Amino acid sequence: MDSEILNYPIHRFLDSSLLGQFIGPEGSNIYKIEKYNKVALDIWKNDEENSNVRITGPYWNLKSALNDVLELVSTIRNKNQRYKFEMPSKDIGFLIGKNGAKINEIKLSSNVDVHFERNNENRDNGETDGRVVVSVTGNYQQILIGLRLIYDRLTSKGQKTLYEDPRTRQFAESLMESLD
């Protein structure tokens, strides 16, 4: 049987920072596709430094392997969606909490990754606008949960919870219920 070569421009569909997920731990994802489809698969960069996937093998095996590559790319993209929004920099400390406790709680509860970056739009003329871009990464449902937890945290600013003041009646009642 004759071998053919198929080039897939992965750079168009997957950010270069996610290529490691495509390859998998110790190349496990590539190895699975190669073994299952009886093809050779490698990643190479073209003259413009864009990443491409090269699949070598019999024609029908190439088609099957390409299908597996597309499925893997789709899975990685769905797991790594990103939602960005801006908020005033004065509220960042409250959102993060002491030693990062509140933001870590949000990250663990929703299984998202949260990053903060200063807005550089007005830095060209020496001004800072006091805004921070918040980037939340995960799958669609995780992002929604994470955004809801962030919203709840920000809207609770200035409000005391019943656990913050041990003299409150609700605190004593909930404490007694937990001991039963």
C-alpha atoms as a PDB file:
ATOM      1  CA  MET A   1       0.000   0.000   0.000  1.00  0.00           C
ATOM      2  CA  ASP A   2       1.118   3.504  -0.765  1.00  0.00           C
ATOM      3  CA  SER A   3       1.531   5.972   2.036  1.00  0.00           C
ATOM      4  CA  GLU A   4       0.105   9.425   1.723  1.00  0.00           C
ATOM      5  CA  ILE A   5       0.678  12.579   3.743  1.00  0.00           C
ATOM      6  CA  LEU A   6      -2.048  14.796   5.110  1.00  0.00           C
ATOM      7  CA  ASN A   7      -1.243  18.156   6.730  1.00  0.00           C
ATOM      8  CA  TYR A   8      -3.702  19.654   9.199  1.00  0.00           C
ATOM      9  CA  PRO A   9      -3.150  23.337  10.190  1.00  0.00           C
ATOM     10  CA  ILE A  10      -3.750  22.918  13.916  1.00  0.00           C
ATOM     11  CA  HIS A  11      -2.652  26.521  14.577  1.00  0.00           C
ATOM     12  CA  ARG A  12      -5.945  27.738  13.067  1.00  0.00           C
ATOM     13  CA  PHE A  13      -8.062  25.799  15.543  1.00  0.00           C
ATOM     14  CA  LEU A  14      -5.980  25.443  18.688  1.00  0.00           C
ATOM     15  CA  ASP A  15      -3.930  28.049  20.522  1.00  0.00           C
ATOM     16  CA  SER A  16      -0.231  27.190  20.709  1.00  0.00           C
ATOM     17  CA  SER A  17      -0.407  27.214  24.516  1.00  0.00           C
ATOM     18  CA  LEU A  18      -2.729  24.178  24.299  1.00  0.00           C
ATOM     19  CA  LEU A  19      -0.459  22.019  22.130  1.00  0.00           C
ATOM     20  CA  GLY A  20       0.793  20.213  25.232  1.00  0.00           C
ATOM     21  CA  GLN A  21      -2.748  19.025  25.927  1.00  0.00           C
ATOM     22  CA  PHE A  22      -3.014  17.850  22.335  1.00  0.00           C
ATOM     23  CA  ILE A  23       0.210  15.853  22.631  1.00  0.00           C
ATOM     24  CA  GLY A  24      -0.784  14.468  26.035  1.00  0.00           C
ATOM     25  CA  PRO A  25       1.409  13.298  28.911  1.00  0.00           C
ATOM     26  CA  GLU A  26       4.542  11.747  27.415  1.00  0.00           C
ATOM     27  CA  GLY A  27       2.887  11.852  23.966  1.00  0.00           C
ATOM     28  CA  SER A  28       0.026   9.570  24.973  1.00  0.00           C
ATOM     29  CA  ASN A  29      -2.648  11.236  22.795  1.00  0.00           C
ATOM     30  CA  ILE A  30      -0.470  11.079  19.681  1.00  0.00           C
ATOM     31  CA  TYR A  31       0.526   7.493  20.464  1.00  0.00           C
ATOM     32  CA  LYS A  32      -3.157   6.435  20.774  1.00  0.00           C
ATOM     33  CA  ILE A  33      -4.058   8.006  17.431  1.00  0.00           C
ATOM     34  CA  GLU A  34      -1.011   6.418  15.745  1.00  0.00           C
ATOM     35  CA  LYS A  35      -1.608   2.971  17.204  1.00  0.00           C
ATOM     36  CA  TYR A  36      -5.370   2.873  16.636  1.00  0.00           C
ATOM     37  CA  ASN A  37      -5.196   4.145  13.045  1.00  0.00           C
ATOM     38  CA  LYS A  38      -1.839   2.605  12.033  1.00  0.00           C
ATOM     39  CA  VAL A  39      -0.397   5.949  10.932  1.00  0.00           C
ATOM     40  CA  ALA A  40       2.550   8.161  11.848  1.00  0.00           C
ATOM     41  CA  LEU A  41       1.660  11.532  13.352  1.00  0.00           C
ATOM     42  CA  ASP A  42       3.952  14.432  14.141  1.00  0.00           C
ATOM     43  CA  ILE A  43       3.764  18.160  14.761  1.00  0.00           C
ATOM     44  CA  TRP A  44       5.924  20.520  12.745  1.00  0.00           C
ATOM     45  CA  LYS A  45       6.194  24.257  12.158  1.00  0.00           C
ATOM     46  CA  ASN A  46       5.967  25.816   8.715  1.00  0.00           C
ATOM     47  CA  ASP A  47       7.938  28.806   7.434  1.00  0.00           C
ATOM     48  CA  GLU A  48       5.645  31.234   9.304  1.00  0.00           C
ATOM     49  CA  GLU A  49       6.260  29.318  12.575  1.00  0.00           C
ATOM     50  CA  ASN A  50       2.680  27.987  12.608  1.00  0.00           C
ATOM     51  CA  SER A  51       2.085  24.519  14.040  1.00  0.00           C
ATOM     52  CA  ASN A  52       0.764  21.788  11.766  1.00  0.00           C
ATOM     53  CA  VAL A  53      -0.047  18.134  12.267  1.00  0.00           C
ATOM     54  CA  ARG A  54       1.364  15.766   9.648  1.00  0.00           C
ATOM     55  CA  ILE A  55      -0.300  12.361   9.324  1.00  0.00           C
ATOM     56  CA  THR A  56       1.387   9.710   7.180  1.00  0.00           C
ATOM     57  CA  GLY A  57      -0.201   6.402   6.204  1.00  0.00           C
ATOM     58  CA  PRO A  58      -2.694   4.684   3.869  1.00  0.00           C
ATOM     59  CA  TYR A  59      -5.525   6.902   2.584  1.00  0.00           C
ATOM     60  CA  TRP A  60      -8.404   5.497   4.658  1.00  0.00           C
ATOM     61  CA  ASN A  61      -6.274   5.359   7.771  1.00  0.00           C
ATOM     62  CA  LEU A  62      -5.457   9.050   7.227  1.00  0.00           C
ATOM     63  CA  LYS A  63      -9.161   9.903   7.148  1.00  0.00           C
ATOM     64  CA  SER A  64      -9.823   7.989  10.341  1.00  0.00           C
ATOM     65  CA  ALA A  65      -6.799   9.543  12.087  1.00  0.00           C
ATOM     66  CA  LEU A  66      -7.857  13.032  10.969  1.00  0.00           C
ATOM     67  CA  ASN A  67     -11.274  12.400  12.495  1.00  0.00           C
ATOM     68  CA  ASP A  68      -9.591  11.480  15.805  1.00  0.00           C
ATOM     69  CA  VAL A  69      -7.415  14.619  15.622  1.00  0.00           C
ATOM     70  CA  LEU A  70     -10.483  16.809  15.029  1.00  0.00           C
ATOM     71  CA  GLU A  71     -12.303  15.171  17.932  1.00  0.00           C
ATOM     72  CA  LEU A  72      -9.330  15.738  20.253  1.00  0.00           C
ATOM     73  CA  VAL A  73      -9.022  19.393  19.173  1.00  0.00           C
ATOM     74  CA  SER A  74     -12.748  19.887  19.793  1.00  0.00           C
ATOM     75  CA  THR A  75     -12.504  18.333  23.265  1.00  0.00           C
ATOM     76  CA  ILE A  76      -9.537  20.521  24.203  1.00  0.00           C
ATOM     77  CA  ARG A  77     -11.278  23.661  22.944  1.00  0.00           C
ATOM     78  CA  ASN A  78     -14.449  22.863  24.908  1.00  0.00           C
ATOM     79  CA  LYS A  79     -12.455  22.358  28.108  1.00  0.00           C
ATOM     80  CA  ASN A  80     -10.531  25.602  27.634  1.00  0.00           C
ATOM     81  CA  GLN A  81     -13.122  28.233  26.917  1.00  0.00           C
ATOM     82  CA  ARG A  82     -12.318  31.667  28.241  1.00  0.00           C
ATOM     83  CA  TYR A  83     -14.593  34.445  29.433  1.00  0.00           C
ATOM     84  CA  LYS A  84     -13.145  37.896  30.077  1.00  0.00           C
ATOM     85  CA  PHE A  85     -14.661  40.861  31.843  1.00  0.00           C
ATOM     86  CA  GLU A  86     -13.443  44.107  33.389  1.00  0.00           C
ATOM     87  CA  MET A  87     -13.868  45.257  36.934  1.00  0.00           C
ATOM     88  CA  PRO A  88     -12.557  48.137  39.046  1.00  0.00           C
ATOM     89  CA  SER A  89      -9.129  47.443  40.511  1.00  0.00           C
ATOM     90  CA  LYS A  90     -10.344  48.623  43.933  1.00  0.00           C
ATOM     91  CA  ASP A  91     -12.551  45.491  44.206  1.00  0.00           C
ATOM     92  CA  ILE A  92      -9.830  42.965  43.346  1.00  0.00           C
ATOM     93  CA  GLY A  93      -8.530  42.667  46.896  1.00  0.00           C
ATOM     94  CA  PHE A  94     -12.007  41.908  48.209  1.00  0.00           C
ATOM     95  CA  LEU A  95     -12.569  39.282  45.515  1.00  0.00           C
ATOM     96  CA  ILE A  96      -9.237  37.592  46.195  1.00  0.00           C
ATOM     97  CA  GLY A  97      -9.611  37.656  49.991  1.00  0.00           C
ATOM     98  CA  LYS A  98      -6.940  37.329  52.635  1.00  0.00           C
ATOM     99  CA  ASN A  99      -4.011  35.258  51.297  1.00  0.00           C
ATOM    100  CA  GLY A 100      -6.124  34.340  48.260  1.00  0.00           C
ATOM    101  CA  ALA A 101      -8.617  32.364  50.352  1.00  0.00           C
ATOM    102  CA  LYS A 102     -11.795  33.569  48.604  1.00  0.00           C
ATOM    103  CA  ILE A 103     -10.560  33.273  45.014  1.00  0.00           C
ATOM    104  CA  ASN A 104      -9.099  29.830  45.751  1.00  0.00           C
ATOM    105  CA  GLU A 105     -12.468  28.792  47.188  1.00  0.00           C
ATOM    106  CA  ILE A 106     -14.153  29.967  43.966  1.00  0.00           C
ATOM    107  CA  LYS A 107     -11.575  28.130  41.841  1.00  0.00           C
ATOM    108  CA  LEU A 108     -11.999  24.880  43.772  1.00  0.00           C
ATOM    109  CA  SER A 109     -15.803  25.075  43.925  1.00  0.00           C
ATOM    110  CA  SER A 110     -16.254  25.702  40.200  1.00  0.00           C
ATOM    111  CA  ASN A 111     -13.099  24.054  38.813  1.00  0.00           C
ATOM    112  CA  VAL A 112     -12.106  27.156  36.829  1.00  0.00           C
ATOM    113  CA  ASP A 113      -8.856  29.035  36.464  1.00  0.00           C
ATOM    114  CA  VAL A 114      -9.007  32.781  37.198  1.00  0.00           C
ATOM    115  CA  HIS A 115      -6.344  35.279  36.093  1.00  0.00           C
ATOM    116  CA  PHE A 116      -6.106  39.026  36.584  1.00  0.00           C
ATOM    117  CA  GLU A 117      -4.389  41.405  34.170  1.00  0.00           C
ATOM    118  CA  ARG A 118      -4.266  45.171  34.163  1.00  0.00           C
ATOM    119  CA  ASN A 119      -6.080  46.911  31.343  1.00  0.00           C
ATOM    120  CA  ASN A 120      -3.399  48.551  29.167  1.00  0.00           C
ATOM    121  CA  GLU A 121      -5.707  50.575  26.906  1.00  0.00           C
ATOM    122  CA  ASN A 122      -4.856  53.986  28.360  1.00  0.00           C
ATOM    123  CA  ARG A 123      -1.231  53.311  29.257  1.00  0.00           C
ATOM    124  CA  ASP A 124      -0.025  54.736  25.932  1.00  0.00           C
ATOM    125  CA  ASN A 125      -0.555  58.283  27.156  1.00  0.00           C
ATOM    126  CA  GLY A 126       0.620  57.540  30.711  1.00  0.00           C
ATOM    127  CA  GLU A 127      -2.845  57.157  32.256  1.00  0.00           C
ATOM    128  CA  THR A 128      -4.159  54.156  34.119  1.00  0.00           C
ATOM    129  CA  ASP A 129      -7.885  53.703  34.174  1.00  0.00           C
ATOM    130  CA  GLY A 130      -8.059  51.613  37.368  1.00  0.00           C
ATOM    131  CA  ARG A 131      -9.629  48.617  35.625  1.00  0.00           C
ATOM    132  CA  VAL A 132      -8.545  44.997  35.688  1.00  0.00           C
ATOM    133  CA  VAL A 133      -9.407  42.329  33.125  1.00  0.00           C
ATOM    134  CA  VAL A 134     -10.512  39.101  34.794  1.00  0.00           C
ATOM    135  CA  SER A 135     -10.144  35.949  32.706  1.00  0.00           C
ATOM    136  CA  VAL A 136     -12.096  32.831  33.724  1.00  0.00           C
ATOM    137  CA  THR A 137     -11.125  29.572  31.973  1.00  0.00           C
ATOM    138  CA  GLY A 138     -12.894  26.201  31.994  1.00  0.00           C
ATOM    139  CA  ASN A 139     -15.716  24.505  30.173  1.00  0.00           C
ATOM    140  CA  TYR A 140     -19.032  26.319  29.646  1.00  0.00           C
ATOM    141  CA  GLN A 141     -20.774  25.039  32.775  1.00  0.00           C
ATOM    142  CA  GLN A 142     -17.717  25.585  34.990  1.00  0.00           C
ATOM    143  CA  ILE A 143     -17.414  29.165  33.750  1.00  0.00           C
ATOM    144  CA  LEU A 144     -21.071  29.861  34.548  1.00  0.00           C
ATOM    145  CA  ILE A 145     -20.656  28.509  38.078  1.00  0.00           C
ATOM    146  CA  GLY A 146     -17.417  30.453  38.560  1.00  0.00           C
ATOM    147  CA  LEU A 147     -18.996  33.695  37.334  1.00  0.00           C
ATOM    148  CA  ARG A 148     -21.943  33.192  39.663  1.00  0.00           C
ATOM    149  CA  LEU A 149     -19.609  32.680  42.636  1.00  0.00           C
ATOM    150  CA  ILE A 150     -17.601  35.783  41.665  1.00  0.00           C
ATOM    151  CA  TYR A 151     -20.824  37.788  41.354  1.00  0.00           C
ATOM    152  CA  ASP A 152     -22.050  36.549  44.745  1.00  0.00           C
ATOM    153  CA  ARG A 153     -18.720  37.459  46.342  1.00  0.00           C
ATOM    154  CA  LEU A 154     -18.706  40.966  44.855  1.00  0.00           C
ATOM    155  CA  THR A 155     -22.346  41.672  45.789  1.00  0.00           C
ATOM    156  CA  SER A 156     -21.684  40.591  49.379  1.00  0.00           C
ATOM    157  CA  LYS A 157     -19.212  43.448  49.840  1.00  0.00           C
ATOM    158  CA  GLY A 158     -20.140  45.466  52.919  1.00  0.00           C
ATOM    159  CA  GLN A 159     -22.532  42.815  54.228  1.00  0.00           C
ATOM    160  CA  LYS A 160     -21.769  40.734  57.263  1.00  0.00           C
ATOM    161  CA  THR A 161     -22.539  37.068  57.267  1.00  0.00           C
ATOM    162  CA  LEU A 162     -24.053  35.482  60.339  1.00  0.00           C
ATOM    163  CA  TYR A 163     -20.763  33.680  60.990  1.00  0.00           C
ATOM    164  CA  GLU A 164     -18.713  36.864  61.268  1.00  0.00           C
ATOM    165  CA  ASP A 165     -20.385  38.009  64.499  1.00  0.00           C
ATOM    166  CA  PRO A 166     -20.575  35.192  67.037  1.00  0.00           C
ATOM    167  CA  ARG A 167     -22.940  37.213  69.210  1.00  0.00           C
ATOM    168  CA  THR A 168     -25.762  36.850  66.727  1.00  0.00           C
ATOM    169  CA  ARG A 169     -28.650  34.546  67.487  1.00  0.00           C
ATOM    170  CA  GLN A 170     -28.406  32.835  64.080  1.00  0.00           C
ATOM    171  CA  PHE A 171     -24.792  31.932  64.746  1.00  0.00           C
ATOM    172  CA  ALA A 172     -25.643  30.340  68.072  1.00  0.00           C
ATOM    173  CA  GLU A 173     -28.584  28.419  66.573  1.00  0.00           C
ATOM    174  CA  SER A 174     -26.561  27.118  63.636  1.00  0.00           C
ATOM    175  CA  LEU A 175     -23.750  26.161  65.979  1.00  0.00           C
ATOM    176  CA  MET A 176     -26.131  24.204  68.172  1.00  0.00           C
ATOM    177  CA  GLU A 177     -27.643  22.440  65.130  1.00  0.00           C
ATOM    178  CA  SER A 178     -24.208  21.405  63.924  1.00  0.00           C
ATOM    179  CA  LEU A 179     -23.387  19.885  67.314  1.00  0.00           C
ATOM    180  CA  ASP A 180     -26.472  17.631  67.300  1.00  0.00           C
END
